[in-house]
Amino acid sequence: IRDIALVVDSDCPAGRIIDLITNVETNLIRSVKVFDIFKGGKLPENKKSVAFRICFRSDERTLTDAEVGELHGKIVKLLRDELRCDIREM
């Protein structure tokens, strides 16, 4: 399990982000769930923070931390490229 928080435009739907994550070419992502949405505080008025929990699993073997780290890195790059968002690793 890896958690990730993104600072995105307020009008960016969480469903779009979930779709981007789940469409990464792998069969190791089992679930992606939103566990926190935050507006206000030090965030600009037109931004929000959305936190996700990503569950990785293989039915055939135990995943290594390196494998999950590499896949998580691909997800981070994709989200930055597609959404032009800031990533807040957790």
Protein backbone atom coordinates (compact mmCIF):
# COMPACT_ATOMS: atom_id res chain seq x y z
CA ILE A 1 0.00 0.00 0.00
CA ARG A 2 1.24 3.48 -0.90
CA ASP A 3 -0.43 6.79 -0.14
CA ILE A 4 -0.11 9.87 -2.29
CA ALA A 5 -1.59 13.36 -2.01
CA LEU A 6 -1.98 15.72 -4.91
CA VAL A 7 -2.57 19.46 -4.99
CA VAL A 8 -4.85 19.95 -7.98
CA ASP A 9 -7.26 22.55 -9.33
CA SER A 10 -10.46 22.66 -7.30
CA ASP A 11 -12.53 21.58 -10.30
CA CYS A 12 -10.45 18.45 -10.98
CA PRO A 13 -12.65 15.44 -10.17
CA ALA A 14 -11.15 12.68 -8.02
CA GLY A 15 -12.63 10.17 -10.47
CA ARG A 16 -10.37 11.48 -13.24
CA ILE A 17 -7.33 10.94 -11.04
CA ILE A 18 -8.46 7.43 -10.12
CA ASP A 19 -8.95 6.65 -13.82
CA LEU A 20 -5.42 7.86 -14.63
CA ILE A 21 -3.94 5.69 -11.88
CA THR A 22 -5.92 2.55 -12.69
CA ASN A 23 -5.15 2.84 -16.40
CA VAL A 24 -1.39 2.51 -15.80
CA GLU A 25 -0.24 -0.55 -17.73
CA THR A 26 0.10 -3.11 -14.96
CA ASN A 27 -1.97 -5.83 -13.37
CA LEU A 28 -0.59 -5.06 -9.91
CA ILE A 29 -2.92 -2.21 -8.90
CA ARG A 30 -5.80 -3.75 -6.96
CA SER A 31 -7.55 -0.62 -5.68
CA VAL A 32 -7.36 3.15 -5.54
CA LYS A 33 -9.41 5.00 -2.92
CA VAL A 34 -9.75 8.61 -1.85
CA PHE A 35 -9.21 8.99 1.87
CA ASP A 36 -8.93 12.76 2.28
CA ILE A 37 -9.90 15.97 0.50
CA PHE A 38 -8.78 19.29 1.90
CA LYS A 39 -9.39 22.90 0.86
CA GLY A 40 -8.29 26.06 2.58
CA GLY A 41 -5.44 26.57 4.98
CA LYS A 42 -2.27 27.43 3.07
CA LEU A 43 -3.64 26.14 -0.24
CA PRO A 44 -4.51 28.74 -2.88
CA GLU A 45 -8.22 29.46 -3.24
CA ASN A 46 -8.48 27.57 -6.54
CA LYS A 47 -6.65 24.42 -5.29
CA LYS A 48 -7.44 21.36 -3.20
CA SER A 49 -5.45 18.47 -1.81
CA VAL A 50 -6.73 14.99 -2.57
CA ALA A 51 -5.12 11.96 -0.90
CA PHE A 52 -5.31 8.45 -2.32
CA ARG A 53 -4.45 5.00 -1.00
CA ILE A 54 -3.16 2.69 -3.74
CA CYS A 55 -3.09 -1.05 -3.05
CA PHE A 56 -0.63 -3.12 -5.09
CA ARG A 57 -0.80 -6.94 -5.13
CA SER A 58 0.09 -9.95 -7.22
CA ASP A 59 -1.80 -13.23 -7.06
CA GLU A 60 1.35 -15.16 -8.01
CA ARG A 61 4.08 -13.75 -5.76
CA THR A 62 5.14 -11.31 -3.11
CA LEU A 63 5.97 -7.90 -4.54
CA THR A 64 9.29 -6.31 -3.67
CA ASP A 65 9.57 -2.78 -2.35
CA ALA A 66 11.64 -1.94 -5.44
CA GLU A 67 8.88 -3.14 -7.79
CA VAL A 68 6.22 -1.15 -6.00
CA GLY A 69 8.53 1.87 -5.81
CA GLU A 70 9.16 1.77 -9.55
CA LEU A 71 5.46 1.49 -10.34
CA HIS A 72 4.63 4.25 -7.86
CA GLY A 73 7.24 6.44 -9.58
CA LYS A 74 5.53 5.85 -12.94
CA ILE A 75 2.21 6.86 -11.41
CA VAL A 76 3.72 10.05 -9.97
CA LYS A 77 5.25 10.98 -13.34
CA LEU A 78 1.98 10.32 -15.15
CA LEU A 79 -0.01 12.46 -12.71
CA ARG A 80 2.49 15.31 -12.92
CA ASP A 81 2.49 15.16 -16.73
CA GLU A 82 -1.28 14.87 -17.15
CA LEU A 83 -2.53 17.13 -14.37
CA ARG A 84 0.37 19.56 -13.87
CA CYS A 85 -0.15 18.99 -10.14
CA ASP A 86 2.07 19.11 -7.09
CA ILE A 87 2.69 15.77 -5.39
CA ARG A 88 2.80 15.55 -1.62
CA GLU A 89 4.28 12.15 -0.75
CA MET A 90 2.98 10.76 2.48
